[in-house]
C-alpha atoms as a PDB file:
ATOM      1  CA  MET A   1      99.537  20.376 111.144  1.00  0.00           C
ATOM      2  CA  HIS A   2     101.659  21.565 108.223  1.00  0.00           C
ATOM      3  CA  GLU A   3     105.403  21.057 108.410  1.00  0.00           C
ATOM      4  CA  LEU A   4     107.464  24.016 107.226  1.00  0.00           C
ATOM      5  CA  GLY A   5     111.000  23.899 105.885  1.00  0.00           C
ATOM      6  CA  ILE A   6     110.773  20.170 105.062  1.00  0.00           C
ATOM      7  CA  VAL A   7     111.556  18.292 101.846  1.00  0.00           C
ATOM      8  CA  HIS A   8     110.727  14.587 101.818  1.00  0.00           C
ATOM      9  CA  ARG A   9     112.891  13.033  99.117  1.00  0.00           C
ATOM     10  CA  THR A  10     111.319   9.583  99.222  1.00  0.00           C
ATOM     11  CA  ILE A  11     107.651   9.117  98.410  1.00  0.00           C
ATOM     12  CA  THR A  12     105.594   6.081  97.447  1.00  0.00           C
ATOM     13  CA  ARG A  13     104.188   6.265  93.937  1.00  0.00           C
ATOM     14  CA  PRO A  14     101.853   3.754  92.280  1.00  0.00           C
ATOM     15  CA  SER A  15     103.539   1.228  90.028  1.00  0.00           C
ATOM     16  CA  ALA A  16     104.115   2.363  86.451  1.00  0.00           C
ATOM     17  CA  SER A  17     101.598  -0.206  85.212  1.00  0.00           C
ATOM     18  CA  ASP A  18      98.882   0.945  87.638  1.00  0.00           C
ATOM     19  CA  ALA A  19      99.491   4.590  86.761  1.00  0.00           C
ATOM     20  CA  ALA A  20      99.302   3.761  83.051  1.00  0.00           C
ATOM     21  CA  ALA A  21      96.021   1.881  83.603  1.00  0.00           C
ATOM     22  CA  LEU A  22      94.419   5.067  84.955  1.00  0.00           C
ATOM     23  CA  GLN A  23      95.731   7.256  82.106  1.00  0.00           C
ATOM     24  CA  PRO A  24      92.913   6.721  79.559  1.00  0.00           C
ATOM     25  CA  PHE A  25      90.100   7.885  81.814  1.00  0.00           C
ATOM     26  CA  GLY A  26      88.715  11.365  82.351  1.00  0.00           C
ATOM     27  CA  THR A  27      87.961  13.187  85.563  1.00  0.00           C
ATOM     28  CA  SER A  28      84.225  12.491  85.533  1.00  0.00           C
ATOM     29  CA  THR A  29      84.676   8.752  85.014  1.00  0.00           C
ATOM     30  CA  VAL A  30      87.357   8.470  87.700  1.00  0.00           C
ATOM     31  CA  HIS A  31      85.327  10.510  90.195  1.00  0.00           C
ATOM     32  CA  GLU A  32      82.246   8.317  89.700  1.00  0.00           C
ATOM     33  CA  ALA A  33      84.258   5.080  89.709  1.00  0.00           C
ATOM     34  CA  MET A  34      85.862   6.048  93.026  1.00  0.00           C
ATOM     35  CA  GLY A  35      82.496   6.543  94.713  1.00  0.00           C
ATOM     36  CA  ARG A  36      82.136  10.256  93.927  1.00  0.00           C
ATOM     37  CA  LEU A  37      85.161  11.223  95.989  1.00  0.00           C
ATOM     38  CA  GLY A  38      88.342  13.195  95.456  1.00  0.00           C
ATOM     39  CA  LEU A  39      87.227  16.219  93.427  1.00  0.00           C
ATOM     40  CA  MET A  40      88.909  19.572  93.798  1.00  0.00           C
ATOM     41  CA  ARG A  41      86.716  22.653  93.873  1.00  0.00           C
ATOM     42  CA  PRO A  42      85.556  23.697  90.398  1.00  0.00           C
ATOM     43  CA  TYR A  43      87.401  27.026  90.454  1.00  0.00           C
ATOM     44  CA  ILE A  44      90.562  25.124  89.474  1.00  0.00           C
ATOM     45  CA  ARG A  45      90.501  25.457  85.677  1.00  0.00           C
ATOM     46  CA  PRO A  46      92.842  24.646  82.781  1.00  0.00           C
ATOM     47  CA  VAL A  47      94.792  27.697  81.618  1.00  0.00           C
ATOM     48  CA  TYR A  48      94.198  26.739  77.960  1.00  0.00           C
ATOM     49  CA  PRO A  49      91.671  24.576  76.088  1.00  0.00           C
ATOM     50  CA  GLY A  50      92.497  20.907  75.762  1.00  0.00           C
ATOM     51  CA  ALA A  51      94.897  20.745  78.698  1.00  0.00           C
ATOM     52  CA  LYS A  52      94.875  17.417  80.522  1.00  0.00           C
ATOM     53  CA  LEU A  53      97.200  15.439  82.755  1.00  0.00           C
ATOM     54  CA  CYS A  54      97.518  12.272  84.804  1.00  0.00           C
ATOM     55  CA  GLY A  55     100.343  11.328  87.127  1.00  0.00           C
ATOM     56  CA  PRO A  56     101.619  10.920  90.703  1.00  0.00           C
ATOM     57  CA  ALA A  57     101.721  14.049  92.843  1.00  0.00           C
ATOM     58  CA  VAL A  58     104.806  15.803  94.096  1.00  0.00           C
ATOM     59  CA  THR A  59     103.177  18.142  96.588  1.00  0.00           C
ATOM     60  CA  VAL A  60     104.216  21.690  97.424  1.00  0.00           C
ATOM     61  CA  LEU A  61     103.137  23.939 100.276  1.00  0.00           C
ATOM     62  CA  LEU A  62     103.646  27.571  99.250  1.00  0.00           C
ATOM     63  CA  GLN A  63     103.602  30.807 101.184  1.00  0.00           C
ATOM     64  CA  PRO A  64     101.470  33.628  99.692  1.00  0.00           C
ATOM     65  CA  GLY A  65     103.252  35.563  96.965  1.00  0.00           C
ATOM     66  CA  ASP A  66     106.308  33.300  97.154  1.00  0.00           C
ATOM     67  CA  ASN A  67     107.256  30.566  94.671  1.00  0.00           C
ATOM     68  CA  TRP A  68     110.535  29.506  96.254  1.00  0.00           C
ATOM     69  CA  MET A  69     109.250  26.026  97.067  1.00  0.00           C
ATOM     70  CA  LEU A  70     108.216  25.357  93.469  1.00  0.00           C
ATOM     71  CA  HIS A  71     111.877  25.635  92.510  1.00  0.00           C
ATOM     72  CA  VAL A  72     112.774  23.291  95.374  1.00  0.00           C
ATOM     73  CA  ALA A  73     110.091  20.826  94.257  1.00  0.00           C
ATOM     74  CA  VAL A  74     111.335  20.616  90.669  1.00  0.00           C
ATOM     75  CA  GLU A  75     114.424  18.756  91.877  1.00  0.00           C
ATOM     76  CA  GLN A  76     112.212  16.061  93.404  1.00  0.00           C
ATOM     77  CA  LEU A  77     110.341  15.282  90.186  1.00  0.00           C
ATOM     78  CA  GLN A  78     110.578  11.945  88.452  1.00  0.00           C
ATOM     79  CA  PRO A  79     109.372  11.326  84.893  1.00  0.00           C
ATOM     80  CA  GLY A  80     105.558  11.344  84.781  1.00  0.00           C
ATOM     81  CA  ASP A  81     105.070  13.320  88.008  1.00  0.00           C
ATOM     82  CA  VAL A  82     102.595  16.177  88.470  1.00  0.00           C
ATOM     83  CA  LEU A  83     103.301  19.144  90.739  1.00  0.00           C
ATOM     84  CA  VAL A  84     100.384  19.835  93.097  1.00  0.00           C
ATOM     85  CA  ALA A  85     100.740  23.141  94.907  1.00  0.00           C
ATOM     86  CA  ALA A  86      98.677  24.523  97.776  1.00  0.00           C
ATOM     87  CA  CYS A  87      99.167  27.779  99.670  1.00  0.00           C
ATOM     88  CA  THR A  88      99.081  28.518 103.388  1.00  0.00           C
ATOM     89  CA  THR A  89      96.375  31.084 102.640  1.00  0.00           C
ATOM     90  CA  GLU A  90      94.439  32.195  99.569  1.00  0.00           C
ATOM     91  CA  CYS A  91      96.616  33.874  96.954  1.00  0.00           C
ATOM     92  CA  GLU A  92      96.129  34.409  93.231  1.00  0.00           C
ATOM     93  CA  ASP A  93      99.591  35.744  92.380  1.00  0.00           C
ATOM     94  CA  GLY A  94     101.327  34.264  89.336  1.00  0.00           C
ATOM     95  CA  PHE A  95     103.442  31.629  91.065  1.00  0.00           C
ATOM     96  CA  PHE A  96     104.265  29.729  87.862  1.00  0.00           C
ATOM     97  CA  GLY A  97     105.045  30.533  84.243  1.00  0.00           C
ATOM     98  CA  GLU A  98     106.935  29.555  81.115  1.00  0.00           C
ATOM     99  CA  LEU A  99     110.430  29.334  82.636  1.00  0.00           C
ATOM    100  CA  LEU A 100     109.370  27.064  85.491  1.00  0.00           C
ATOM    101  CA  ALA A 101     107.379  24.945  83.038  1.00  0.00           C
ATOM    102  CA  THR A 102     110.518  24.547  80.943  1.00  0.00           C
ATOM    103  CA  SER A 103     112.402  23.364  84.027  1.00  0.00           C
ATOM    104  CA  VAL A 104     109.621  20.974  85.073  1.00  0.00           C
ATOM    105  CA  ARG A 105     109.487  19.429  81.603  1.00  0.00           C
ATOM    106  CA  ALA A 106     113.267  18.978  81.556  1.00  0.00           C
ATOM    107  CA  ARG A 107     112.936  16.863  84.720  1.00  0.00           C
ATOM    108  CA  GLY A 108     110.137  14.755  83.199  1.00  0.00           C
ATOM    109  CA  GLY A 109     107.246  16.471  84.978  1.00  0.00           C
ATOM    110  CA  VAL A 110     103.977  16.454  83.046  1.00  0.00           C
ATOM    111  CA  GLY A 111     102.026  19.365  84.533  1.00  0.00           C
ATOM    112  CA  LEU A 112     100.915  21.455  87.476  1.00  0.00           C
ATOM    113  CA  VAL A 113      97.790  21.822  89.590  1.00  0.00           C
ATOM    114  CA  ILE A 114      97.910  24.922  91.786  1.00  0.00           C
ATOM    115  CA  ASP A 115      95.454  26.559  94.160  1.00  0.00           C
ATOM    116  CA  GLY A 116      96.921  29.900  93.179  1.00  0.00           C
ATOM    117  CA  GLY A 117      97.720  31.947  90.109  1.00  0.00           C
ATOM    118  CA  CYS A 118      99.629  31.150  86.953  1.00  0.00           C
ATOM    119  CA  ARG A 119     100.935  33.404  84.186  1.00  0.00           C
ATOM    120  CA  ASP A 120     102.375  33.112  80.645  1.00  0.00           C
ATOM    121  CA  ALA A 121      99.231  31.291  79.593  1.00  0.00           C
ATOM    122  CA  ALA A 122      99.844  31.780  75.865  1.00  0.00           C
ATOM    123  CA  ALA A 123     103.373  30.387  76.143  1.00  0.00           C
ATOM    124  CA  LEU A 124     102.152  27.420  78.178  1.00  0.00           C
ATOM    125  CA  GLU A 125      99.583  26.665  75.494  1.00  0.00           C
ATOM    126  CA  GLU A 126     102.246  26.896  72.790  1.00  0.00           C
ATOM    127  CA  MET A 127     104.379  24.449  74.811  1.00  0.00           C
ATOM    128  CA  ASP A 128     101.314  22.280  75.482  1.00  0.00           C
ATOM    129  CA  PHE A 129     102.316  22.223  79.138  1.00  0.00           C
ATOM    130  CA  PRO A 130      99.129  21.567  81.129  1.00  0.00           C
ATOM    131  CA  VAL A 131      98.440  23.807  84.105  1.00  0.00           C
ATOM    132  CA  PHE A 132      95.262  23.865  86.177  1.00  0.00           C
ATOM    133  CA  SER A 133      95.058  26.932  88.390  1.00  0.00           C
ATOM    134  CA  ARG A 134      92.855  29.111  90.548  1.00  0.00           C
ATOM    135  CA  ALA A 135      93.552  32.158  88.392  1.00  0.00           C
ATOM    136  CA  ILE A 136      95.593  33.557  85.545  1.00  0.00           C
ATOM    137  CA  HIS A 137      97.429  36.560  86.932  1.00  0.00           C
ATOM    138  CA  ALA A 138     100.503  38.455  85.726  1.00  0.00           C
ATOM    139  CA  LYS A 139     101.554  39.473  89.252  1.00  0.00           C
ATOM    140  CA  GLY A 140     104.974  38.064  90.076  1.00  0.00           C
ATOM    141  CA  THR A 141     106.210  36.456  93.270  1.00  0.00           C
ATOM    142  CA  VAL A 142     109.272  36.586  95.518  1.00  0.00           C
ATOM    143  CA  LYS A 143     111.574  33.876  96.837  1.00  0.00           C
ATOM    144  CA  ALA A 144     111.904  34.513 100.541  1.00  0.00           C
ATOM    145  CA  THR A 145     109.819  32.242 102.793  1.00  0.00           C
ATOM    146  CA  LEU A 146     110.048  28.512 103.400  1.00  0.00           C
ATOM    147  CA  GLY A 147     107.177  26.158 102.761  1.00  0.00           C
ATOM    148  CA  SER A 148     107.577  22.411 102.271  1.00  0.00           C
ATOM    149  CA  VAL A 149     107.744  19.725  99.593  1.00  0.00           C
ATOM    150  CA  ASN A 150     106.172  16.273  99.656  1.00  0.00           C
ATOM    151  CA  VAL A 151     103.976  16.798 102.693  1.00  0.00           C
ATOM    152  CA  PRO A 152     100.182  16.241 102.713  1.00  0.00           C
ATOM    153  CA  VAL A 153      98.404  19.334 101.420  1.00  0.00           C
ATOM    154  CA  VAL A 154      94.814  20.454 100.995  1.00  0.00           C
ATOM    155  CA  CYS A 155      94.491  21.804  97.466  1.00  0.00           C
ATOM    156  CA  ALA A 156      91.122  23.347  96.560  1.00  0.00           C
ATOM    157  CA  ASN A 157      89.464  21.317  99.351  1.00  0.00           C
ATOM    158  CA  ALA A 158      90.992  17.993  98.250  1.00  0.00           C
ATOM    159  CA  LEU A 159      93.503  16.204 100.471  1.00  0.00           C
ATOM    160  CA  VAL A 160      96.573  15.214  98.459  1.00  0.00           C
ATOM    161  CA  HIS A 161      99.334  12.980  99.769  1.00  0.00           C
ATOM    162  CA  PRO A 162     102.651  12.730  97.949  1.00  0.00           C
ATOM    163  CA  GLY A 163     102.363   9.962  95.348  1.00  0.00           C
ATOM    164  CA  ASP A 164      98.579  10.144  94.989  1.00  0.00           C
ATOM    165  CA  MET A 165      97.394  10.069  91.395  1.00  0.00           C
ATOM    166  CA  VAL A 166      96.017  13.305  89.966  1.00  0.00           C
ATOM    167  CA  VAL A 167      93.732  13.329  86.919  1.00  0.00           C
ATOM    168  CA  ALA A 168      92.752  16.660  85.336  1.00  0.00           C
ATOM    169  CA  ASP A 169      90.888  17.707  82.210  1.00  0.00           C
ATOM    170  CA  ILE A 170      88.209  20.162  81.084  1.00  0.00           C
ATOM    171  CA  ASP A 171      85.760  18.708  83.652  1.00  0.00           C
ATOM    172  CA  GLY A 172      87.998  19.368  86.667  1.00  0.00           C
ATOM    173  CA  VAL A 173      90.622  17.719  88.869  1.00  0.00           C
ATOM    174  CA  VAL A 174      90.298  14.509  90.879  1.00  0.00           C
ATOM    175  CA  VAL A 175      92.734  12.909  93.329  1.00  0.00           C
ATOM    176  CA  VAL A 176      93.068   9.122  93.609  1.00  0.00           C
ATOM    177  CA  PRO A 177      94.844   7.746  96.701  1.00  0.00           C
ATOM    178  CA  ALA A 178      97.976   5.933  95.530  1.00  0.00           C
ATOM    179  CA  ALA A 179      96.908   2.634  97.112  1.00  0.00           C
ATOM    180  CA  ARG A 180      93.608   2.687  95.203  1.00  0.00           C
ATOM    181  CA  THR A 181      95.041   3.356  91.742  1.00  0.00           C
ATOM    182  CA  ARG A 182      94.626  -0.154  90.318  1.00  0.00           C
ATOM    183  CA  GLU A 183      91.154  -0.601  91.813  1.00  0.00           C
ATOM    184  CA  VAL A 184      89.936   2.762  90.495  1.00  0.00           C
ATOM    185  CA  ALA A 185      91.427   2.148  87.054  1.00  0.00           C
ATOM    186  CA  GLU A 186      89.544  -1.157  86.806  1.00  0.00           C
ATOM    187  CA  ALA A 187      86.312   0.412  88.045  1.00  0.00           C
ATOM    188  CA  SER A 188      86.755   3.217  85.500  1.00  0.00           C
ATOM    189  CA  ARG A 189      87.201   0.705  82.686  1.00  0.00           C
ATOM    190  CA  GLU A 190      84.058  -1.159  83.737  1.00  0.00           C
ATOM    191  CA  ARG A 191      82.131   2.098  83.943  1.00  0.00           C
ATOM    192  CA  GLU A 192      83.153   3.156  80.444  1.00  0.00           C
ATOM    193  CA  GLU A 193      82.204  -0.245  79.017  1.00  0.00           C
ATOM    194  CA  ASN A 194      78.796   0.048  80.671  1.00  0.00           C
ATOM    195  CA  GLU A 195      78.328   3.577  79.340  1.00  0.00           C
ATOM    196  CA  ALA A 196      79.255   2.455  75.819  1.00  0.00           C
ATOM    197  CA  ALA A 197      76.395  -0.059  75.905  1.00  0.00           C
ATOM    198  CA  LYS A 198      73.981   2.605  77.161  1.00  0.00           C
ATOM    199  CA  ARG A 199      75.156   5.037  74.497  1.00  0.00           C
ATOM    200  CA  LYS A 200      74.233   2.575  71.756  1.00  0.00           C
ATOM    201  CA  ARG A 201      70.736   2.104  73.197  1.00  0.00           C
ATOM    202  CA  LEU A 202      70.150   5.845  73.531  1.00  0.00           C
ATOM    203  CA  ALA A 203      71.481   6.487  70.017  1.00  0.00           C
ATOM    204  CA  ALA A 204      69.008   3.902  68.717  1.00  0.00           C
ATOM    205  CA  GLY A 205      66.164   5.964  70.184  1.00  0.00           C
ATOM    206  CA  GLU A 206      65.495   4.214  73.485  1.00  0.00           C
ATOM    207  CA  LEU A 207      64.486   6.663  76.192  1.00  0.00           C
ATOM    208  CA  GLY A 208      66.291   7.035  79.478  1.00  0.00           C
ATOM    209  CA  LEU A 209      62.835   6.791  81.058  1.00  0.00           C
ATOM    210  CA  ASP A 210      62.672   3.161  79.948  1.00  0.00           C
ATOM    211  CA  MET A 211      66.341   2.199  80.070  1.00  0.00           C
ATOM    212  CA  TYR A 212      66.613   3.313  83.691  1.00  0.00           C
ATOM    213  CA  GLN A 213      63.102   2.030  84.562  1.00  0.00           C
ATOM    214  CA  MET A 214      61.974   5.441  85.788  1.00  0.00           C
ATOM    215  CA  ARG A 215      58.286   5.311  84.866  1.00  0.00           C
ATOM    216  CA  GLY A 216      57.058   3.403  87.915  1.00  0.00           C
ATOM    217  CA  LYS A 217      58.949   5.635  90.339  1.00  0.00           C
ATOM    218  CA  LEU A 218      57.716   8.769  88.584  1.00  0.00           C
ATOM    219  CA  GLU A 219      54.119   7.515  88.793  1.00  0.00           C
ATOM    220  CA  ALA A 220      54.542   6.669  92.457  1.00  0.00           C
ATOM    221  CA  ALA A 221      55.900  10.160  93.064  1.00  0.00           C
ATOM    222  CA  GLY A 222      52.743  11.610  91.565  1.00  0.00           C
ATOM    223  CA  LEU A 223      53.807  12.643  88.034  1.00  0.00           C
ATOM    224  CA  ARG A 224      50.774  13.159  85.787  1.00  0.00           C
ATOM    225  CA  TYR A 225      50.588  13.545  82.018  1.00  0.00           C
ATOM    226  CA  LEU A 226      47.850  15.915  80.769  1.00  0.00           C
ATOM    227  CA  GLY A 227      46.340  16.351  77.301  1.00  0.00           C
END
């Protein structure tokens, strides 16, 4: 059950070294390395090309059409944090824009993921402040109804606890439980090393049919070559 009117000031983040170890890897690699878990729904998209982020989550539970709790959450940010905002019900209003981004950056925050709308997309791109949102929408919001900060939220079907690592890029958004950060970073590194070796073989002309030993299984499944 969601708590309303609550701000948890103390959350457990991964160590700086573990967070940094996850930084080089993209969403697809992290998702695969974690056992194909943690993805948000694909309607969460970057508001400008090239946006990407990685950092611990400061979570926000918003009420529809109301961005009051985003302002409350900014105070709880530490350098490197990512705001992750969910709403009590679906809403595509423009909860966030250039002024809030300026405030977030001043506190050391590195981006926002929101299951809601965002506006001032051109200004955010000029600032290179990464936002991943459900929609881009000019409609403004009010400041009238309490939500909560640093409580577990479900954002675009992904469960996010305060302090979980969030990785976002052009391929989507993935959530890594804080306690698994080091393990997933290592698995991501191993996966990329393995893919680099495969890339060389494919670039040299070897077929995936042979590299992945598919021919026997295809034959057993009844594949026939004619002509």
